[in-house]
Amino acid sequence: RPKLSGRKKTLRLDQGLLDSARRALGARTETDAVTRALE
């Protein structure tokens, strides 16, 4: 598990877009998808 640093955030995200990004990035979780996209 990557060490998560930072604060917990509440975001309103388009679920379909998040699911597509997760698949495209090969991320297992939504948090991982958002982190990879930001990176």
Full PDB file with SEQRES, HELIX, SHEET, SSBOND, CRYST1, ORIGX, SCALE, CONECT and MASTER records, all heavy atoms in Angstrom:
SEQRES   1 A   39  ARG PRO LYS LEU SER GLY ARG LYS LYS THR LEU ARG LEU          
SEQRES   2 A   39  ASP GLN GLY LEU LEU ASP SER ALA ARG ARG ALA LEU GLY          
SEQRES   3 A   39  ALA ARG THR GLU THR ASP ALA VAL THR ARG ALA LEU GLU          
HELIX    1 AA1 GLN A   15  LEU A   25  1                                  11    
HELIX    2 AA2 GLU A   30  LEU A   38  1                                   9    
CRYST1    1.000    1.000    1.000  90.00  90.00  90.00 P 1           1          
ORIGX1      1.000000  0.000000  0.000000        0.00000                         
ORIGX2      0.000000  1.000000  0.000000        0.00000                         
ORIGX3      0.000000  0.000000  1.000000        0.00000                         
SCALE1      1.000000  0.000000  0.000000        0.00000                         
SCALE2      0.000000  1.000000  0.000000        0.00000                         
SCALE3      0.000000  0.000000  1.000000        0.00000                         
ATOM      1  N   ARG A   1       0.833  -1.198   0.000  1.00  0.00           N  
ATOM      2  CA  ARG A   1       0.000   0.000   0.000  1.00  0.00           C  
ATOM      3  C   ARG A   1       0.862   1.240   0.000  1.00  0.00           C  
ATOM      4  O   ARG A   1       1.786   1.345   0.797  1.00  0.00           O  
ATOM      5  CB  ARG A   1      -0.890   0.029   1.234  1.00  0.00           C  
ATOM      6  CG  ARG A   1      -2.201  -0.663   1.049  1.00  0.00           C  
ATOM      7  CD  ARG A   1      -3.145  -0.341   2.188  1.00  0.00           C  
ATOM      8  NE  ARG A   1      -2.512  -0.555   3.472  1.00  0.00           N  
ATOM      9  CZ  ARG A   1      -2.848  -1.509   4.326  1.00  0.00           C  
ATOM     10  NH1 ARG A   1      -3.810  -2.324   4.037  1.00  0.00           N  
ATOM     11  NH2 ARG A   1      -2.238  -1.635   5.468  1.00  0.00           N  
ATOM     12  N   PRO A   2       0.552   2.196  -0.880  1.00  0.00           N  
ATOM     13  CA  PRO A   2       1.296   3.448  -0.822  1.00  0.00           C  
ATOM     14  C   PRO A   2       0.887   4.202   0.439  1.00  0.00           C  
ATOM     15  O   PRO A   2      -0.266   4.146   0.866  1.00  0.00           O  
ATOM     16  CB  PRO A   2       0.849   4.204  -2.077  1.00  0.00           C  
ATOM     17  CG  PRO A   2      -0.475   3.622  -2.409  1.00  0.00           C  
ATOM     18  CD  PRO A   2      -0.445   2.199  -1.926  1.00  0.00           C  
ATOM     19  N   LYS A   3       1.849   4.896   1.023  1.00  0.00           N  
ATOM     20  CA  LYS A   3       1.546   5.677   2.205  1.00  0.00           C  
ATOM     21  C   LYS A   3       0.771   6.909   1.772  1.00  0.00           C  
ATOM     22  O   LYS A   3       1.224   7.671   0.933  1.00  0.00           O  
ATOM     23  CB  LYS A   3       2.829   6.088   2.917  1.00  0.00           C  
ATOM     24  CG  LYS A   3       2.570   6.851   4.188  1.00  0.00           C  
ATOM     25  CD  LYS A   3       3.854   7.209   4.873  1.00  0.00           C  
ATOM     26  CE  LYS A   3       3.530   8.015   6.116  1.00  0.00           C  
ATOM     27  NZ  LYS A   3       4.736   8.531   6.737  1.00  0.00           N  
ATOM     28  N   LEU A   4      -0.405   7.074   2.327  1.00  0.00           N  
ATOM     29  CA  LEU A   4      -1.223   8.232   1.988  1.00  0.00           C  
ATOM     30  C   LEU A   4      -0.874   9.359   2.937  1.00  0.00           C  
ATOM     31  O   LEU A   4      -0.975   9.217   4.143  1.00  0.00           O  
ATOM     32  CB  LEU A   4      -2.710   7.902   2.095  1.00  0.00           C  
ATOM     33  CG  LEU A   4      -3.240   6.877   1.109  1.00  0.00           C  
ATOM     34  CD1 LEU A   4      -4.715   6.614   1.372  1.00  0.00           C  
ATOM     35  CD2 LEU A   4      -3.060   7.366  -0.309  1.00  0.00           C  
ATOM     36  N   SER A   5      -0.429  10.443   2.370  1.00  0.00           N  
ATOM     37  CA  SER A   5      -0.192  11.614   3.187  1.00  0.00           C  
ATOM     38  C   SER A   5      -1.155  12.690   2.718  1.00  0.00           C  
ATOM     39  O   SER A   5      -1.529  12.745   1.555  1.00  0.00           O  
ATOM     40  CB  SER A   5       1.247  12.079   3.042  1.00  0.00           C  
ATOM     41  OG  SER A   5       1.525  12.401   1.707  1.00  0.00           O  
ATOM     42  N   GLY A   6      -1.545  13.506   3.599  1.00  0.00           N  
ATOM     43  CA  GLY A   6      -2.487  14.541   3.230  1.00  0.00           C  
ATOM     44  C   GLY A   6      -3.772  14.375   3.999  1.00  0.00           C  
ATOM     45  O   GLY A   6      -3.914  13.510   4.852  1.00  0.00           O  
ATOM     46  N   ARG A   7      -4.713  15.207   3.654  1.00  0.00           N  
ATOM     47  CA  ARG A   7      -5.985  15.212   4.357  1.00  0.00           C  
ATOM     48  C   ARG A   7      -7.059  14.517   3.552  1.00  0.00           C  
ATOM     49  O   ARG A   7      -6.997  14.473   2.335  1.00  0.00           O  
ATOM     50  CB  ARG A   7      -6.407  16.643   4.620  1.00  0.00           C  
ATOM     51  CG  ARG A   7      -5.504  17.327   5.617  1.00  0.00           C  
ATOM     52  CD  ARG A   7      -6.071  18.643   5.988  1.00  0.00           C  
ATOM     53  NE  ARG A   7      -5.423  19.657   5.139  1.00  0.00           N  
ATOM     54  CZ  ARG A   7      -5.742  20.915   5.147  1.00  0.00           C  
ATOM     55  NH1 ARG A   7      -6.696  21.365   5.907  1.00  0.00           N  
ATOM     56  NH2 ARG A   7      -5.108  21.772   4.377  1.00  0.00           N  
ATOM     57  N   LYS A   8      -8.035  14.018   4.252  1.00  0.00           N  
ATOM     58  CA  LYS A   8      -9.195  13.427   3.608  1.00  0.00           C  
ATOM     59  C   LYS A   8      -9.998  14.545   2.967  1.00  0.00           C  
ATOM     60  O   LYS A   8     -10.184  15.604   3.550  1.00  0.00           O  
ATOM     61  CB  LYS A   8     -10.049  12.696   4.639  1.00  0.00           C  
ATOM     62  CG  LYS A   8     -11.220  11.980   4.046  1.00  0.00           C  
ATOM     63  CD  LYS A   8     -11.952  11.191   5.096  1.00  0.00           C  
ATOM     64  CE  LYS A   8     -13.128  10.487   4.462  1.00  0.00           C  
ATOM     65  NZ  LYS A   8     -13.825   9.645   5.431  1.00  0.00           N  
ATOM     66  N   LYS A   9     -10.451  14.335   1.746  1.00  0.00           N  
ATOM     67  CA  LYS A   9     -11.199  15.342   0.996  1.00  0.00           C  
ATOM     68  C   LYS A   9     -12.530  14.774   0.561  1.00  0.00           C  
ATOM     69  O   LYS A   9     -12.660  13.588   0.285  1.00  0.00           O  
ATOM     70  CB  LYS A   9     -10.431  15.773  -0.270  1.00  0.00           C  
ATOM     71  CG  LYS A   9      -9.046  16.314  -0.020  1.00  0.00           C  
ATOM     72  CD  LYS A   9      -9.143  17.681   0.595  1.00  0.00           C  
ATOM     73  CE  LYS A   9      -7.745  18.229   0.813  1.00  0.00           C  
ATOM     74  NZ  LYS A   9      -7.743  19.468   1.523  1.00  0.00           N  
ATOM     75  N   THR A  10     -13.498  15.636   0.483  1.00  0.00           N  
ATOM     76  CA  THR A  10     -14.791  15.272  -0.079  1.00  0.00           C  
ATOM     77  C   THR A  10     -14.922  16.012  -1.395  1.00  0.00           C  
ATOM     78  O   THR A  10     -14.841  17.237  -1.437  1.00  0.00           O  
ATOM     79  CB  THR A  10     -15.936  15.672   0.870  1.00  0.00           C  
ATOM     80  OG1 THR A  10     -15.745  14.992   2.115  1.00  0.00           O  
ATOM     81  CG2 THR A  10     -17.281  15.300   0.272  1.00  0.00           C  
ATOM     82  N   LEU A  11     -15.079  15.268  -2.480  1.00  0.00           N  
ATOM     83  CA  LEU A  11     -15.157  15.847  -3.819  1.00  0.00           C  
ATOM     84  C   LEU A  11     -16.406  15.352  -4.524  1.00  0.00           C  
ATOM     85  O   LEU A  11     -16.813  14.210  -4.345  1.00  0.00           O  
ATOM     86  CB  LEU A  11     -13.927  15.461  -4.649  1.00  0.00           C  
ATOM     87  CG  LEU A  11     -12.566  15.805  -4.076  1.00  0.00           C  
ATOM     88  CD1 LEU A  11     -11.478  15.128  -4.894  1.00  0.00           C  
ATOM     89  CD2 LEU A  11     -12.360  17.295  -4.046  1.00  0.00           C  
ATOM     90  N   ARG A  12     -16.964  16.187  -5.361  1.00  0.00           N  
ATOM     91  CA  ARG A  12     -18.068  15.763  -6.219  1.00  0.00           C  
ATOM     92  C   ARG A  12     -17.464  15.490  -7.592  1.00  0.00           C  
ATOM     93  O   ARG A  12     -17.017  16.408  -8.270  1.00  0.00           O  
ATOM     94  CB  ARG A  12     -19.127  16.852  -6.313  1.00  0.00           C  
ATOM     95  CG  ARG A  12     -19.852  17.072  -5.028  1.00  0.00           C  
ATOM     96  CD  ARG A  12     -20.893  18.156  -5.192  1.00  0.00           C  
ATOM     97  NE  ARG A  12     -21.495  18.470  -3.930  1.00  0.00           N  
ATOM     98  CZ  ARG A  12     -22.677  18.013  -3.528  1.00  0.00           C  
ATOM     99  NH1 ARG A  12     -23.375  17.228  -4.309  1.00  0.00           N  
ATOM    100  NH2 ARG A  12     -23.142  18.350  -2.357  1.00  0.00           N  
ATOM    101  N   LEU A  13     -17.450  14.221  -7.961  1.00  0.00           N  
ATOM    102  CA  LEU A  13     -16.840  13.806  -9.213  1.00  0.00           C  
ATOM    103  C   LEU A  13     -17.860  13.059 -10.059  1.00  0.00           C  
ATOM    104  O   LEU A  13     -18.730  12.361  -9.537  1.00  0.00           O  
ATOM    105  CB  LEU A  13     -15.637  12.894  -8.944  1.00  0.00           C  
ATOM    106  CG  LEU A  13     -14.523  13.482  -8.077  1.00  0.00           C  
ATOM    107  CD1 LEU A  13     -13.518  12.405  -7.728  1.00  0.00           C  
ATOM    108  CD2 LEU A  13     -13.851  14.633  -8.792  1.00  0.00           C  
ATOM    109  N   ASP A  14     -17.722  13.180 -11.352  1.00  0.00           N  
ATOM    110  CA  ASP A  14     -18.563  12.429 -12.282  1.00  0.00           C  
ATOM    111  C   ASP A  14     -18.155  10.962 -12.181  1.00  0.00           C  
ATOM    112  O   ASP A  14     -17.010  10.606 -12.485  1.00  0.00           O  
ATOM    113  CB  ASP A  14     -18.351  12.976 -13.697  1.00  0.00           C  
ATOM    114  CG  ASP A  14     -19.164  12.223 -14.716  1.00  0.00           C  
ATOM    115  OD1 ASP A  14     -18.846  11.044 -14.990  1.00  0.00           O  
ATOM    116  OD2 ASP A  14     -20.098  12.824 -15.268  1.00  0.00           O  
ATOM    117  N   GLN A  15     -19.076  10.119 -11.743  1.00  0.00           N  
ATOM    118  CA  GLN A  15     -18.751   8.713 -11.502  1.00  0.00           C  
ATOM    119  C   GLN A  15     -18.313   8.001 -12.779  1.00  0.00           C  
ATOM    120  O   GLN A  15     -17.382   7.204 -12.761  1.00  0.00           O  
ATOM    121  CB  GLN A  15     -19.935   7.979 -10.870  1.00  0.00           C  
ATOM    122  CG  GLN A  15     -19.594   6.572 -10.396  1.00  0.00           C  
ATOM    123  CD  GLN A  15     -18.544   6.559  -9.295  1.00  0.00           C  
ATOM    124  OE1 GLN A  15     -18.678   7.259  -8.310  1.00  0.00           O  
ATOM    125  NE2 GLN A  15     -17.518   5.747  -9.468  1.00  0.00           N  
ATOM    126  N   GLY A  16     -18.976   8.297 -13.896  1.00  0.00           N  
ATOM    127  CA  GLY A  16     -18.588   7.663 -15.155  1.00  0.00           C  
ATOM    128  C   GLY A  16     -17.182   8.047 -15.574  1.00  0.00           C  
ATOM    129  O   GLY A  16     -16.397   7.197 -16.022  1.00  0.00           O  
ATOM    130  N   LEU A  17     -16.856   9.311 -15.406  1.00  0.00           N  
ATOM    131  CA  LEU A  17     -15.513   9.782 -15.734  1.00  0.00           C  
ATOM    132  C   LEU A  17     -14.477   9.149 -14.815  1.00  0.00           C  
ATOM    133  O   LEU A  17     -13.410   8.715 -15.260  1.00  0.00           O  
ATOM    134  CB  LEU A  17     -15.458  11.312 -15.630  1.00  0.00           C  
ATOM    135  CG  LEU A  17     -14.154  11.987 -16.020  1.00  0.00           C  
ATOM    136  CD1 LEU A  17     -13.801  11.704 -17.476  1.00  0.00           C  
ATOM    137  CD2 LEU A  17     -14.267  13.492 -15.788  1.00  0.00           C  
ATOM    138  N   LEU A  18     -14.795   9.064 -13.544  1.00  0.00           N  
ATOM    139  CA  LEU A  18     -13.883   8.444 -12.586  1.00  0.00           C  
ATOM    140  C   LEU A  18     -13.674   6.965 -12.907  1.00  0.00           C  
ATOM    141  O   LEU A  18     -12.547   6.471 -12.876  1.00  0.00           O  
ATOM    142  CB  LEU A  18     -14.425   8.613 -11.167  1.00  0.00           C  
ATOM    143  CG  LEU A  18     -13.575   8.093 -10.021  1.00  0.00           C  
ATOM    144  CD1 LEU A  18     -12.174   8.690 -10.040  1.00  0.00           C  
ATOM    145  CD2 LEU A  18     -14.266   8.390  -8.699  1.00  0.00           C  
ATOM    146  N   ASP A  19     -14.747   6.263 -13.249  1.00  0.00           N  
ATOM    147  CA  ASP A  19     -14.622   4.842 -13.618  1.00  0.00           C  
ATOM    148  C   ASP A  19     -13.765   4.675 -14.867  1.00  0.00           C  
ATOM    149  O   ASP A  19     -12.907   3.789 -14.929  1.00  0.00           O  
ATOM    150  CB  ASP A  19     -16.005   4.226 -13.852  1.00  0.00           C  
ATOM    151  CG  ASP A  19     -16.816   4.094 -12.573  1.00  0.00           C  
ATOM    152  OD1 ASP A  19     -16.235   4.138 -11.471  1.00  0.00           O  
ATOM    153  OD2 ASP A  19     -18.053   3.960 -12.690  1.00  0.00           O  
ATOM    154  N   SER A  20     -13.970   5.548 -15.862  1.00  0.00           N  
ATOM    155  CA  SER A  20     -13.175   5.484 -17.099  1.00  0.00           C  
ATOM    156  C   SER A  20     -11.711   5.764 -16.810  1.00  0.00           C  
ATOM    157  O   SER A  20     -10.820   5.094 -17.338  1.00  0.00           O  
ATOM    158  CB  SER A  20     -13.703   6.487 -18.124  1.00  0.00           C  
ATOM    159  OG  SER A  20     -14.999   6.136 -18.529  1.00  0.00           O  
ATOM    160  N   ALA A  21     -11.442   6.763 -15.973  1.00  0.00           N  
ATOM    161  CA  ALA A  21     -10.064   7.103 -15.619  1.00  0.00           C  
ATOM    162  C   ALA A  21      -9.412   5.957 -14.859  1.00  0.00           C  
ATOM    163  O   ALA A  21      -8.248   5.619 -15.102  1.00  0.00           O  
ATOM    164  CB  ALA A  21     -10.029   8.380 -14.783  1.00  0.00           C  
ATOM    165  N   ARG A  22     -10.165   5.345 -13.947  1.00  0.00           N  
ATOM    166  CA  ARG A  22      -9.612   4.232 -13.174  1.00  0.00           C  
ATOM    167  C   ARG A  22      -9.197   3.087 -14.084  1.00  0.00           C  
ATOM    168  O   ARG A  22      -8.115   2.526 -13.963  1.00  0.00           O  
ATOM    169  CB  ARG A  22     -10.644   3.747 -12.142  1.00  0.00           C  
ATOM    170  CG  ARG A  22     -10.096   2.713 -11.170  1.00  0.00           C  
ATOM    171  CD  ARG A  22     -11.115   2.288 -10.133  1.00  0.00           C  
ATOM    172  NE  ARG A  22     -12.410   1.925 -10.683  1.00  0.00           N  
ATOM    173  CZ  ARG A  22     -12.668   0.768 -11.314  1.00  0.00           C  
ATOM    174  NH1 ARG A  22     -11.711  -0.119 -11.487  1.00  0.00           N  
ATOM    175  NH2 ARG A  22     -13.870   0.523 -11.770  1.00  0.00           N  
ATOM    176  N   ARG A  23     -10.058   2.761 -15.048  1.00  0.00           N  
ATOM    177  CA  ARG A  23      -9.719   1.687 -15.995  1.00  0.00           C  
ATOM    178  C   ARG A  23      -8.526   2.080 -16.861  1.00  0.00           C  
ATOM    179  O   ARG A  23      -7.609   1.284 -17.067  1.00  0.00           O  
ATOM    180  CB  ARG A  23     -10.925   1.349 -16.868  1.00  0.00           C  
ATOM    181  CG  ARG A  23     -11.972   0.510 -16.168  1.00  0.00           C  
ATOM    182  CD  ARG A  23     -13.038   0.002 -17.137  1.00  0.00           C  
ATOM    183  NE  ARG A  23     -13.738   1.086 -17.823  1.00  0.00           N  
ATOM    184  CZ  ARG A  23     -14.807   1.716 -17.349  1.00  0.00           C  
ATOM    185  NH1 ARG A  23     -15.292   1.389 -16.174  1.00  0.00           N  
ATOM    186  NH2 ARG A  23     -15.378   2.662 -18.053  1.00  0.00           N  
ATOM    187  N   ALA A  24      -8.536   3.302 -17.395  1.00  0.00           N  
ATOM    188  CA  ALA A  24      -7.455   3.755 -18.283  1.00  0.00           C  
ATOM    189  C   ALA A  24      -6.109   3.786 -17.563  1.00  0.00           C  
ATOM    190  O   ALA A  24      -5.070   3.501 -18.171  1.00  0.00           O  
ATOM    191  CB  ALA A  24      -7.785   5.147 -18.824  1.00  0.00           C  
ATOM    192  N   LEU A  25      -6.131   4.102 -16.288  1.00  0.00           N  
ATOM    193  CA  LEU A  25      -4.889   4.198 -15.520  1.00  0.00           C  
ATOM    194  C   LEU A  25      -4.481   2.877 -14.885  1.00  0.00           C  
ATOM    195  O   LEU A  25      -3.399   2.757 -14.321  1.00  0.00           O  
ATOM    196  CB  LEU A  25      -5.039   5.268 -14.429  1.00  0.00           C  
ATOM    197  CG  LEU A  25      -5.197   6.695 -14.931  1.00  0.00           C  
ATOM    198  CD1 LEU A  25      -5.708   7.593 -13.809  1.00  0.00           C  
ATOM    199  CD2 LEU A  25      -3.883   7.213 -15.487  1.00  0.00           C  
ATOM    200  N   GLY A  26      -5.372   1.904 -14.959  1.00  0.00           N  
ATOM    201  CA  GLY A  26      -5.078   0.613 -14.329  1.00  0.00           C  
ATOM    202  C   GLY A  26      -5.093   0.698 -12.810  1.00  0.00           C  
ATOM    203  O   GLY A  26      -4.405  -0.064 -12.140  1.00  0.00           O  
ATOM    204  N   ALA A  27      -5.865   1.629 -12.281  1.00  0.00           N  
ATOM    205  CA  ALA A  27      -5.924   1.826 -10.835  1.00  0.00           C  
ATOM    206  C   ALA A  27      -6.946   0.879 -10.225  1.00  0.00           C  
ATOM    207  O   ALA A  27      -8.002   0.636 -10.798  1.00  0.00           O  
ATOM    208  CB  ALA A  27      -6.299   3.273 -10.526  1.00  0.00           C  
ATOM    209  N   ARG A  28      -6.633   0.374  -9.049  1.00  0.00           N  
ATOM    210  CA  ARG A  28      -7.551  -0.536  -8.373  1.00  0.00           C  
ATOM    211  C   ARG A  28      -8.619   0.201  -7.594  1.00  0.00           C  
ATOM    212  O   ARG A  28      -9.710  -0.312  -7.401  1.00  0.00           O  
ATOM    213  CB  ARG A  28      -6.770  -1.466  -7.446  1.00  0.00           C  
ATOM    214  CG  ARG A  28      -5.820  -2.386  -8.206  1.00  0.00           C  
ATOM    215  CD  ARG A  28      -5.161  -3.347  -7.290  1.00  0.00           C  
ATOM    216  NE  ARG A  28      -6.149  -4.358  -6.909  1.00  0.00           N  
ATOM    217  CZ  ARG A  28      -5.954  -5.280  -6.006  1.00  0.00           C  
ATOM    218  NH1 ARG A  28      -4.828  -5.332  -5.356  1.00  0.00           N  
ATOM    219  NH2 ARG A  28      -6.892  -6.153  -5.725  1.00  0.00           N  
ATOM    220  N   THR A  29      -8.294   1.396  -7.120  1.00  0.00           N  
ATOM    221  CA  THR A  29      -9.252   2.145  -6.317  1.00  0.00           C  
ATOM    222  C   THR A  29      -9.476   3.523  -6.925  1.00  0.00           C  
ATOM    223  O   THR A  29      -8.673   4.006  -7.730  1.00  0.00           O  
ATOM    224  CB  THR A  29      -8.753   2.330  -4.870  1.00  0.00           C  
ATOM    225  OG1 THR A  29      -7.588   3.167  -4.890  1.00  0.00           O  
ATOM    226  CG2 THR A  29      -8.424   0.993  -4.214  1.00  0.00           C  
ATOM    227  N   GLU A  30     -10.544   4.162  -6.503  1.00  0.00           N  
ATOM    228  CA  GLU A  30     -10.821   5.509  -6.979  1.00  0.00           C  
ATOM    229  C   GLU A  30      -9.764   6.487  -6.479  1.00  0.00           C  
ATOM    230  O   GLU A  30      -9.326   7.369  -7.210  1.00  0.00           O  
ATOM    231  CB  GLU A  30     -12.221   5.936  -6.534  1.00  0.00           C  
ATOM    232  CG  GLU A  30     -13.304   5.143  -7.236  1.00  0.00           C  
ATOM    233  CD  GLU A  30     -14.701   5.474  -6.752  1.00  0.00           C  
ATOM    234  OE1 GLU A  30     -14.846   6.143  -5.698  1.00  0.00           O  
ATOM    235  OE2 GLU A  30     -15.654   5.067  -7.450  1.00  0.00           O  
ATOM    236  N   THR A  31      -9.325   6.311  -5.241  1.00  0.00           N  
ATOM    237  CA  THR A  31      -8.273   7.177  -4.686  1.00  0.00           C  
ATOM    238  C   THR A  31      -7.005   7.042  -5.501  1.00  0.00           C  
ATOM    239  O   THR A  31      -6.345   8.043  -5.825  1.00  0.00           O  
ATOM    240  CB  THR A  31      -8.008   6.821  -3.205  1.00  0.00           C  
ATOM    241  OG1 THR A  31      -9.198   7.051  -2.460  1.00  0.00           O  
ATOM    242  CG2 THR A  31      -6.873   7.651  -2.637  1.00  0.00           C  
ATOM    243  N   ASP A  32      -6.650   5.819  -5.856  1.00  0.00           N  
ATOM    244  CA  ASP A  32      -5.452   5.586  -6.662  1.00  0.00           C  
ATOM    245  C   ASP A  32      -5.602   6.234  -8.038  1.00  0.00           C  
ATOM    246  O   ASP A  32      -4.656   6.815  -8.568  1.00  0.00           O  
ATOM    247  CB  ASP A  32      -5.201   4.084  -6.794  1.00  0.00           C  
ATOM    248  CG  ASP A  32      -3.854   3.763  -7.429  1.00  0.00           C  
ATOM    249  OD1 ASP A  32      -2.889   4.527  -7.228  1.00  0.00           O  
ATOM    250  OD2 ASP A  32      -3.765   2.734  -8.129  1.00  0.00           O  
ATOM    251  N   ALA A  33      -6.791   6.170  -8.612  1.00  0.00           N  
ATOM    252  CA  ALA A  33      -7.030   6.777  -9.920  1.00  0.00           C  
ATOM    253  C   ALA A  33      -6.849   8.290  -9.854  1.00  0.00           C  
ATOM    254  O   ALA A  33      -6.200   8.887 -10.716  1.00  0.00           O  
ATOM    255  CB  ALA A  33      -8.438   6.440 -10.415  1.00  0.00           C  
ATOM    256  N   VAL A  34      -7.403   8.919  -8.837  1.00  0.00           N  
ATOM    257  CA  VAL A  34      -7.269  10.368  -8.702  1.00  0.00           C  
ATOM    258  C   VAL A  34      -5.807  10.734  -8.479  1.00  0.00           C  
ATOM    259  O   VAL A  34      -5.293  11.673  -9.088  1.00  0.00           O  
ATOM    260  CB  VAL A  34      -8.168  10.903  -7.557  1.00  0.00           C  
ATOM    261  CG1 VAL A  34      -7.877  12.362  -7.269  1.00  0.00           C  
ATOM    262  CG2 VAL A  34      -9.636  10.701  -7.914  1.00  0.00           C  
ATOM    263  N   THR A  35      -5.116   9.982  -7.626  1.00  0.00           N  
ATOM    264  CA  THR A  35      -3.696  10.250  -7.364  1.00  0.00           C  
ATOM    265  C   THR A  35      -2.881  10.118  -8.638  1.00  0.00           C  
ATOM    266  O   THR A  35      -2.067  10.991  -8.959  1.00  0.00           O  
ATOM    267  CB  THR A  35      -3.165   9.286  -6.284  1.00  0.00           C  
ATOM    268  OG1 THR A  35      -3.917   9.485  -5.084  1.00  0.00           O  
ATOM    269  CG2 THR A  35      -1.687   9.525  -6.008  1.00  0.00           C  
ATOM    270  N   ARG A  36      -3.097   9.035  -9.395  1.00  0.00           N  
ATOM    271  CA  ARG A  36      -2.341   8.840 -10.643  1.00  0.00           C  
ATOM    272  C   ARG A  36      -2.645   9.936 -11.660  1.00  0.00           C  
ATOM    273  O   ARG A  36      -1.746  10.403 -12.361  1.00  0.00           O  
ATOM    274  CB  ARG A  36      -2.663   7.473 -11.243  1.00  0.00           C  
ATOM    275  CG  ARG A  36      -2.074   6.325 -10.466  1.00  0.00           C  
ATOM    276  CD  ARG A  36      -2.378   5.016 -11.162  1.00  0.00           C  
ATOM    277  NE  ARG A  36      -2.018   3.878 -10.355  1.00  0.00           N  
ATOM    278  CZ  ARG A  36      -1.854   2.657 -10.838  1.00  0.00           C  
ATOM    279  NH1 ARG A  36      -2.026   2.430 -12.128  1.00  0.00           N  
ATOM    280  NH2 ARG A  36      -1.535   1.673 -10.041  1.00  0.00           N  
ATOM    281  N   ALA A  37      -3.890  10.349 -11.744  1.00  0.00           N  
ATOM    282  CA  ALA A  37      -4.257  11.413 -12.684  1.00  0.00           C  
ATOM    283  C   ALA A  37      -3.595  12.728 -12.299  1.00  0.00           C  
ATOM    284  O   ALA A  37      -3.072  13.439 -13.163  1.00  0.00           O  
ATOM    285  CB  ALA A  37      -5.777  11.566 -12.726  1.00  0.00           C  
ATOM    286  N   LEU A  38      -3.578  13.049 -11.012  1.00  0.00           N  
ATOM    287  CA  LEU A  38      -2.920  14.274 -10.560  1.00  0.00           C  
ATOM    288  C   LEU A  38      -1.422  14.212 -10.820  1.00  0.00           C  
ATOM    289  O   LEU A  38      -0.805  15.202 -11.249  1.00  0.00           O  
ATOM    290  CB  LEU A  38      -3.194  14.506  -9.072  1.00  0.00           C  
ATOM    291  CG  LEU A  38      -4.638  14.865  -8.716  1.00  0.00           C  
ATOM    292  CD1 LEU A  38      -4.822  14.867  -7.207  1.00  0.00           C  
ATOM    293  CD2 LEU A  38      -5.027  16.200  -9.325  1.00  0.00           C  
ATOM    294  N   GLU A  39      -0.818  13.055 -10.582  1.00  0.00           N  
ATOM    295  CA  GLU A  39       0.615  12.887 -10.868  1.00  0.00           C  
ATOM    296  C   GLU A  39       0.898  13.080 -12.350  1.00  0.00           C  
ATOM    297  O   GLU A  39       1.908  13.689 -12.728  1.00  0.00           O  
ATOM    298  CB  GLU A  39       1.093  11.501 -10.411  1.00  0.00           C  
ATOM    299  CG  GLU A  39       1.162  11.346  -8.907  1.00  0.00           C  
ATOM    300  CD  GLU A  39       1.391   9.910  -8.463  1.00  0.00           C  
ATOM    301  OE1 GLU A  39       1.224   8.968  -9.268  1.00  0.00           O  
ATOM    302  OE2 GLU A  39       1.723   9.735  -7.277  1.00  0.00           O  
TER     303      GLU A  39                                                      
MASTER        0    0    0    2    0    0    0    6  302    1    0    3          
END                                                                             
